[in-house]
Amino acid sequence: MLFRFALLLVCTLFTSVASAQTLVPRLILEEDFQDNHRNWPTGLINNAEYKVKRGEYVAKARGNENNTSVALLFIPELEKSQNFIIEAELSTTSAGCLAWGSGSRDNMRLFGTMSEHRFAVCGWRGGKFFSTNGDNAYSAAVGRQTSWHTMRIECRGPQVQYFVNGTRVWEQQLTRMLGHGLGLETNLGAEASLRHLRVWLLEPEPEPTAAPVTPAVSPVATATSEATDAAAALATPLRAGQRLALRNVFFVQGKPELLGTSKPELARLAKALNDQPALRIRLEGHTDNQGPEEKNQLLSEQRAQAIQAFLVKYGVAATRLETTGYGSSRPVAANDTETNRRRNRRVEFVILD
């Protein structure tokens, strides 16, 4: 008995220490549904027809009866973590949800919007259905628009928070998920669509490492060589001549709008610059080669400027921040696969002095 009590105490202390750690996001899934190389379920599933088309994952329910249809893709990484973020844009004609959990009705969560311009958090626990519909205050986040809403789920251990269009609308305590699928639900004759799906694991922030010894005059890396990931470098003093890539900064596809998951890394960059007020940096935006070059050039410039605006908001003087964009002219990898194109879509910064 005493041994069991001691073991429980150790586990509790370990959990407390782990929860106190600073967690930073690492992107593990970026899905724009341009094709179906990940084998998302398609065809008739239960009572709905599923397909991947023109950058969307679409489900159209047959008939108007209350017969929920869910299609899930298994995400292996989520099986090993209780700390993650799921974010996607959702559109529906009347009812539809971002779905996560198991494929059965033992443990599944649904998060979506309804025709009454309300959000819904519902699903099954142990075979029993539960439902929470947003009240008027929370539903203001959904608004009267009938187009796309950004749905976001943040899971940190048993604590789960739900966001609509950047506003937190609900939170709840959950036990560990029994399944690790992710997908789309529809019902009642509705058509629902997902796009711009992203998944991040939340992992402990890397321990600070000693800065490598460099010569007094250090050449700046060429833009065609891959820059060092900024995540670890921001834990050490910055040095003139460094070129670092903001790999945990993300934008809405094809736009200069920052996603909410970009905030932790940009906040660390702002802190590093505020701790070293003599430094100046140049923010450099890059794109892949998809689309017109003039559009890519403008987008690369605007994304660098968006980060500049964030840093200014966090106390960094605008005079310390230069911005430029190179469009697709300086790739770090061939633009022959989606993985390589993702490496080319980036913002780097160079320490000037």
Protein backbone atom coordinates (compact mmCIF):
# COMPACT_ATOMS: atom_id res chain seq x y z
CA MET A 1 0.00 0.00 0.00
CA LEU A 2 2.79 2.39 0.94
CA PHE A 3 4.60 1.53 -2.29
CA ARG A 4 1.49 2.35 -4.35
CA PHE A 5 1.09 5.69 -2.59
CA ALA A 6 4.74 6.57 -3.24
CA LEU A 7 4.43 5.58 -6.89
CA LEU A 8 1.29 7.72 -7.27
CA LEU A 9 3.06 10.67 -5.66
CA VAL A 10 6.03 10.37 -8.04
CA CYS A 11 3.72 10.19 -11.07
CA THR A 12 1.80 13.25 -9.86
CA LEU A 13 4.99 15.25 -9.39
CA PHE A 14 6.26 14.18 -12.83
CA THR A 15 2.98 15.26 -14.43
CA SER A 16 3.14 18.64 -12.64
CA VAL A 17 6.69 19.26 -13.84
CA ALA A 18 5.81 18.24 -17.40
CA SER A 19 2.76 20.53 -17.47
CA ALA A 20 4.92 23.44 -16.27
CA GLN A 21 7.24 23.09 -19.25
CA THR A 22 7.04 25.60 -22.05
CA LEU A 23 5.54 23.82 -25.04
CA VAL A 24 6.29 24.97 -28.58
CA PRO A 25 4.46 23.84 -31.74
CA ARG A 26 5.99 21.58 -34.37
CA LEU A 27 4.06 21.22 -37.62
CA ILE A 28 3.40 17.55 -38.46
CA LEU A 29 0.59 17.84 -41.02
CA GLU A 30 -0.12 20.50 -43.63
CA GLU A 31 -2.98 19.50 -45.90
CA ASP A 32 -4.33 21.73 -48.68
CA PHE A 33 -6.25 18.96 -50.47
CA GLN A 34 -4.74 19.68 -53.88
CA ASP A 35 -4.66 15.92 -54.41
CA ASN A 36 -5.36 12.82 -52.34
CA HIS A 37 -1.86 11.44 -51.79
CA ARG A 38 -2.69 10.86 -48.11
CA ASN A 39 -5.68 8.66 -49.04
CA TRP A 40 -8.46 10.58 -47.34
CA PRO A 41 -11.59 8.38 -47.34
CA THR A 42 -13.74 9.01 -50.42
CA GLY A 43 -16.93 7.63 -51.89
CA LEU A 44 -20.12 6.77 -50.03
CA ILE A 45 -19.48 6.54 -46.28
CA ASN A 46 -22.50 5.78 -44.15
CA ASN A 47 -24.97 8.37 -45.48
CA ALA A 48 -22.70 10.88 -47.22
CA GLU A 49 -20.57 11.15 -50.36
CA TYR A 50 -16.96 12.24 -49.71
CA LYS A 51 -14.44 13.58 -52.23
CA VAL A 52 -11.29 15.68 -52.56
CA LYS A 53 -11.71 18.52 -55.06
CA ARG A 54 -10.07 21.87 -55.83
CA GLY A 55 -8.31 22.30 -52.50
CA GLU A 56 -11.20 21.07 -50.35
CA TYR A 57 -12.34 17.89 -48.64
CA VAL A 58 -16.10 17.77 -49.22
CA ALA A 59 -18.93 15.69 -47.73
CA LYS A 60 -22.54 15.80 -48.99
CA ALA A 61 -25.15 14.06 -46.86
CA ARG A 62 -27.89 12.12 -48.64
CA GLY A 63 -31.43 12.89 -47.57
CA ASN A 64 -32.48 15.07 -44.64
CA GLU A 65 -32.68 12.47 -41.91
CA ASN A 66 -30.59 12.67 -38.75
CA ASN A 67 -27.89 10.15 -39.68
CA THR A 68 -24.40 11.37 -38.90
CA SER A 69 -21.61 10.48 -41.34
CA VAL A 70 -17.95 10.77 -40.37
CA ALA A 71 -14.77 10.08 -42.39
CA LEU A 72 -11.44 10.02 -40.56
CA LEU A 73 -7.78 9.74 -41.50
CA PHE A 74 -5.52 8.14 -38.90
CA ILE A 75 -2.71 10.47 -37.73
CA PRO A 76 -0.03 8.23 -36.13
CA GLU A 77 1.77 11.09 -34.34
CA LEU A 78 -1.32 11.96 -32.31
CA GLU A 79 -1.30 8.48 -30.79
CA LYS A 80 1.89 9.38 -28.90
CA SER A 81 0.94 12.84 -27.63
CA GLN A 82 -1.74 14.48 -25.51
CA ASN A 83 -0.50 17.94 -26.50
CA PHE A 84 -1.42 19.15 -29.96
CA ILE A 85 -3.24 21.77 -32.03
CA ILE A 86 -5.66 21.11 -34.89
CA GLU A 87 -6.70 24.01 -37.11
CA ALA A 88 -8.76 24.05 -40.30
CA GLU A 89 -11.21 26.20 -42.21
CA LEU A 90 -14.75 24.81 -42.25
CA SER A 91 -17.73 25.71 -44.43
CA THR A 92 -21.18 24.15 -44.31
CA THR A 93 -24.61 24.77 -45.77
CA SER A 94 -26.36 23.98 -42.48
CA ALA A 95 -24.47 21.49 -40.30
CA GLY A 96 -20.92 20.17 -40.39
CA CYS A 97 -18.02 19.52 -38.08
CA LEU A 98 -14.30 18.99 -37.83
CA ALA A 99 -14.09 15.49 -36.35
CA TRP A 100 -11.37 13.93 -34.21
CA GLY A 101 -10.94 10.83 -32.10
CA SER A 102 -11.88 7.23 -32.86
CA GLY A 103 -13.89 6.07 -35.84
CA SER A 104 -16.47 4.45 -33.58
CA ARG A 105 -19.00 6.03 -31.28
CA ASP A 106 -17.03 5.07 -28.19
CA ASN A 107 -14.92 8.20 -28.23
CA MET A 108 -15.37 10.87 -30.89
CA ARG A 109 -15.50 14.66 -30.75
CA LEU A 110 -17.19 16.95 -33.27
CA PHE A 111 -16.60 20.72 -33.48
CA GLY A 112 -18.50 22.72 -36.04
CA THR A 113 -21.03 25.37 -36.96
CA MET A 114 -24.77 25.25 -37.60
CA SER A 115 -27.23 27.19 -39.72
CA GLU A 116 -28.36 29.18 -36.66
CA HIS A 117 -24.88 30.80 -36.71
CA ARG A 118 -23.86 28.95 -33.58
CA PHE A 119 -20.98 26.62 -32.92
CA ALA A 120 -21.38 23.12 -31.55
CA VAL A 121 -19.12 20.83 -29.51
CA CYS A 122 -20.61 17.37 -29.47
CA GLY A 123 -19.82 13.71 -29.98
CA TRP A 124 -19.84 10.36 -28.18
CA ARG A 125 -18.38 9.18 -24.90
CA GLY A 126 -18.65 5.49 -24.17
CA GLY A 127 -21.38 5.14 -26.78
CA LYS A 128 -23.48 8.01 -25.35
CA PHE A 129 -24.05 11.20 -27.32
CA PHE A 130 -23.33 14.59 -25.73
CA SER A 131 -23.86 18.08 -27.13
CA THR A 132 -22.96 21.65 -26.19
CA ASN A 133 -24.33 24.48 -28.32
CA GLY A 134 -22.87 27.96 -28.03
CA ASP A 135 -24.83 30.71 -26.32
CA ASN A 136 -25.24 34.19 -27.80
CA ALA A 137 -22.00 35.59 -26.36
CA TYR A 138 -19.90 32.77 -27.76
CA SER A 139 -21.83 32.68 -31.00
CA ALA A 140 -20.70 36.20 -31.84
CA ALA A 141 -17.46 34.54 -32.92
CA VAL A 142 -19.37 32.70 -35.62
CA GLY A 143 -21.27 35.79 -36.72
CA ARG A 144 -23.66 36.01 -39.62
CA GLN A 145 -21.21 35.06 -42.32
CA THR A 146 -22.03 31.88 -44.21
CA SER A 147 -18.62 31.26 -45.74
CA TRP A 148 -15.49 29.87 -44.11
CA HIS A 149 -14.76 29.74 -40.39
CA THR A 150 -11.37 28.95 -38.84
CA MET A 151 -11.88 26.13 -36.34
CA ARG A 152 -9.08 25.46 -33.86
CA ILE A 153 -8.69 22.81 -31.16
CA GLU A 154 -5.89 23.12 -28.59
CA CYS A 155 -5.30 20.04 -26.45
CA ARG A 156 -2.88 20.23 -23.53
CA GLY A 157 -3.16 17.03 -21.55
CA PRO A 158 -6.77 16.69 -20.37
CA GLN A 159 -7.54 20.38 -21.03
CA VAL A 160 -9.11 21.09 -24.44
CA GLN A 161 -9.97 24.56 -25.73
CA TYR A 162 -12.04 25.35 -28.81
CA PHE A 163 -11.68 28.51 -30.95
CA VAL A 164 -13.80 29.94 -33.77
CA ASN A 165 -12.22 32.66 -35.90
CA GLY A 166 -9.61 33.30 -33.20
CA THR A 167 -12.10 33.57 -30.29
CA ARG A 168 -12.11 30.92 -27.57
CA VAL A 169 -15.66 29.63 -27.37
CA TRP A 170 -15.48 26.56 -25.15
CA GLU A 171 -13.21 24.40 -23.02
CA GLN A 172 -13.53 21.04 -21.33
CA GLN A 173 -11.61 18.32 -19.53
CA LEU A 174 -11.11 15.06 -21.43
CA THR A 175 -9.44 11.77 -20.69
CA ARG A 176 -6.84 10.52 -23.16
CA MET A 177 -8.25 9.98 -26.63
CA LEU A 178 -8.94 6.35 -27.51
CA GLY A 179 -8.37 6.97 -31.20
CA HIS A 180 -6.40 9.41 -33.26
CA GLY A 181 -8.36 10.04 -36.41
CA LEU A 182 -9.05 13.43 -37.94
CA GLY A 183 -11.63 14.32 -40.55
CA LEU A 184 -15.07 15.65 -41.46
CA GLU A 185 -18.66 15.09 -40.32
CA THR A 186 -21.94 16.00 -41.99
CA ASN A 187 -25.63 15.33 -41.40
CA LEU A 188 -29.21 16.39 -42.19
CA GLY A 189 -28.71 16.79 -45.94
CA ALA A 190 -25.90 19.33 -45.47
CA GLU A 191 -22.73 19.78 -47.49
CA ALA A 192 -19.59 20.43 -45.43
CA SER A 193 -16.05 21.24 -46.56
CA LEU A 194 -12.60 21.43 -44.98
CA ARG A 195 -9.56 23.29 -46.29
CA HIS A 196 -6.17 24.52 -45.03
CA LEU A 197 -5.88 21.78 -42.41
CA ARG A 198 -2.86 21.97 -40.09
CA VAL A 199 -1.77 19.84 -37.13
CA TRP A 200 1.00 20.71 -34.67
CA LEU A 201 2.46 18.68 -31.83
CA LEU A 202 3.23 20.72 -28.72
CA GLU A 203 6.66 19.71 -27.47
CA PRO A 204 8.98 20.90 -24.68
CA GLU A 205 11.07 23.88 -25.66
CA PRO A 206 14.66 22.81 -26.46
CA GLU A 207 17.21 23.43 -23.74
CA PRO A 208 19.53 26.38 -24.43
CA THR A 209 22.74 25.31 -26.12
CA ALA A 210 26.08 27.05 -26.11
CA ALA A 211 26.61 29.27 -29.13
CA PRO A 212 29.27 27.89 -31.45
CA VAL A 213 32.56 29.78 -31.64
CA THR A 214 32.78 31.69 -34.91
CA PRO A 215 35.46 33.88 -36.45
CA ALA A 216 35.26 37.61 -35.85
CA VAL A 217 34.18 38.09 -39.47
CA SER A 218 31.57 35.50 -40.34
CA PRO A 219 30.23 35.31 -43.89
CA VAL A 220 26.46 35.42 -44.25
CA ALA A 221 25.02 32.21 -45.70
CA THR A 222 23.78 32.46 -49.26
CA ALA A 223 20.03 32.54 -49.67
CA THR A 224 20.09 29.30 -51.63
CA SER A 225 21.53 27.34 -48.70
CA GLU A 226 19.05 26.26 -46.05
CA ALA A 227 19.07 28.59 -43.05
CA THR A 228 19.33 27.32 -39.48
CA ASP A 229 16.01 26.73 -37.74
CA ALA A 230 15.35 29.68 -35.43
CA ALA A 231 13.57 27.61 -32.76
CA ALA A 232 16.74 26.53 -30.94
CA ALA A 233 18.85 29.55 -31.93
CA LEU A 234 16.46 31.97 -30.19
CA ALA A 235 17.41 30.40 -26.86
CA THR A 236 20.96 31.76 -27.22
CA PRO A 237 22.30 35.28 -27.83
CA LEU A 238 21.94 36.35 -31.46
CA ARG A 239 25.05 37.30 -33.45
CA ALA A 240 25.69 39.49 -36.46
CA GLY A 241 25.78 37.47 -39.66
CA GLN A 242 23.37 34.76 -38.57
CA ARG A 243 20.63 33.73 -40.99
CA LEU A 244 17.73 31.93 -39.31
CA ALA A 245 14.51 30.46 -40.71
CA LEU A 246 11.22 30.92 -38.88
CA ARG A 247 9.98 27.38 -39.44
CA ASN A 248 7.20 27.64 -36.85
CA VAL A 249 5.60 30.70 -38.44
CA PHE A 250 2.57 29.96 -40.61
CA PHE A 251 0.26 31.94 -42.87
CA VAL A 252 -3.16 31.48 -44.42
CA GLN A 253 -2.56 29.79 -47.76
CA GLY A 254 -1.77 32.32 -50.46
CA LYS A 255 -2.18 35.26 -48.07
CA PRO A 256 0.02 37.35 -45.75
CA GLU A 257 -2.23 36.70 -42.73
CA LEU A 258 -0.43 35.05 -39.80
CA LEU A 259 -2.02 31.99 -38.19
CA GLY A 260 -2.41 31.96 -34.42
CA THR A 261 0.17 29.20 -34.01
CA SER A 262 2.85 31.60 -35.21
CA LYS A 263 2.65 33.64 -32.01
CA PRO A 264 4.96 31.55 -29.75
CA GLU A 265 7.96 31.70 -32.11
CA LEU A 266 7.42 35.36 -33.02
CA ALA A 267 7.04 36.26 -29.35
CA ARG A 268 10.39 34.58 -28.64
CA LEU A 269 11.96 36.52 -31.50
CA ALA A 270 10.55 39.78 -30.11
CA LYS A 271 11.94 38.94 -26.66
CA ALA A 272 15.36 38.11 -28.11
CA LEU A 273 15.45 41.43 -29.96
CA ASN A 274 14.27 43.37 -26.93
CA ASP A 275 16.98 41.69 -24.85
CA GLN A 276 19.60 42.82 -27.40
CA PRO A 277 18.41 46.34 -28.32
CA ALA A 278 21.47 47.15 -30.47
CA LEU A 279 20.68 44.48 -33.06
CA ARG A 280 19.01 45.15 -36.39
CA ILE A 281 17.54 42.46 -38.60
CA ARG A 282 16.29 42.06 -42.16
CA LEU A 283 13.18 39.92 -42.66
CA GLU A 284 13.19 38.09 -46.00
CA GLY A 285 10.08 36.47 -47.46
CA HIS A 286 10.20 33.52 -49.89
CA THR A 287 7.58 31.51 -51.79
CA ASP A 288 7.48 28.38 -53.93
CA ASN A 289 7.07 28.62 -57.71
CA GLN A 290 3.34 27.96 -57.86
CA GLY A 291 1.39 30.79 -59.50
CA PRO A 292 2.41 34.02 -61.26
CA GLU A 293 5.83 35.33 -60.27
CA GLU A 294 4.56 38.89 -59.74
CA LYS A 295 1.99 37.56 -57.24
CA ASN A 296 4.64 35.50 -55.45
CA GLN A 297 6.92 38.52 -55.26
CA LEU A 298 4.21 40.65 -53.66
CA LEU A 299 3.21 37.86 -51.27
CA SER A 300 6.80 37.36 -50.10
CA GLU A 301 7.11 41.09 -49.36
CA GLN A 302 3.77 41.24 -47.54
CA ARG A 303 4.57 38.26 -45.35
CA ALA A 304 7.85 39.81 -44.22
CA GLN A 305 5.93 43.02 -43.48
CA ALA A 306 3.33 41.08 -41.46
CA ILE A 307 6.07 39.75 -39.20
CA GLN A 308 7.54 43.24 -38.92
CA ALA A 309 4.15 44.55 -37.75
CA PHE A 310 3.91 41.76 -35.15
CA LEU A 311 7.38 42.56 -33.76
CA VAL A 312 6.60 46.29 -33.57
CA LYS A 313 3.44 45.46 -31.64
CA TYR A 314 5.65 43.52 -29.19
CA GLY A 315 7.92 46.48 -28.53
CA VAL A 316 10.65 46.21 -31.19
CA ALA A 317 11.39 49.57 -32.83
CA ALA A 318 10.45 49.65 -36.51
CA THR A 319 13.78 51.31 -37.31
CA ARG A 320 15.52 48.05 -36.33
CA LEU A 321 13.54 45.99 -38.84
CA GLU A 322 14.09 45.90 -42.58
CA THR A 323 11.90 43.84 -44.89
CA THR A 324 12.28 42.46 -48.38
CA GLY A 325 10.84 39.70 -50.51
CA TYR A 326 12.40 37.40 -53.09
CA GLY A 327 9.34 35.61 -54.41
CA SER A 328 10.37 32.19 -55.72
CA SER A 329 13.82 33.31 -56.92
CA ARG A 330 15.81 31.79 -54.02
CA PRO A 331 14.59 28.25 -53.35
CA VAL A 332 16.38 25.98 -50.90
CA ALA A 333 14.98 22.85 -52.59
CA ALA A 334 13.61 21.81 -55.95
CA ASN A 335 9.94 22.70 -56.36
CA ASP A 336 9.13 19.15 -57.48
CA THR A 337 7.18 17.85 -54.46
CA GLU A 338 4.85 19.39 -51.90
CA THR A 339 7.40 18.67 -49.16
CA ASN A 340 10.08 20.63 -51.03
CA ARG A 341 7.70 23.45 -51.89
CA ARG A 342 6.85 23.72 -48.19
CA ARG A 343 10.57 24.19 -47.44
CA ASN A 344 10.70 27.01 -49.99
CA ARG A 345 7.68 28.80 -48.46
CA ARG A 346 9.43 30.50 -45.58
CA VAL A 347 10.50 33.73 -43.91
CA GLU A 348 14.10 34.07 -42.83
CA PHE A 349 15.82 36.85 -40.94
CA VAL A 350 19.43 38.02 -41.06
CA ILE A 351 21.18 39.72 -38.14
CA LEU A 352 22.69 42.85 -39.68
CA ASP A 353 24.58 44.21 -36.66
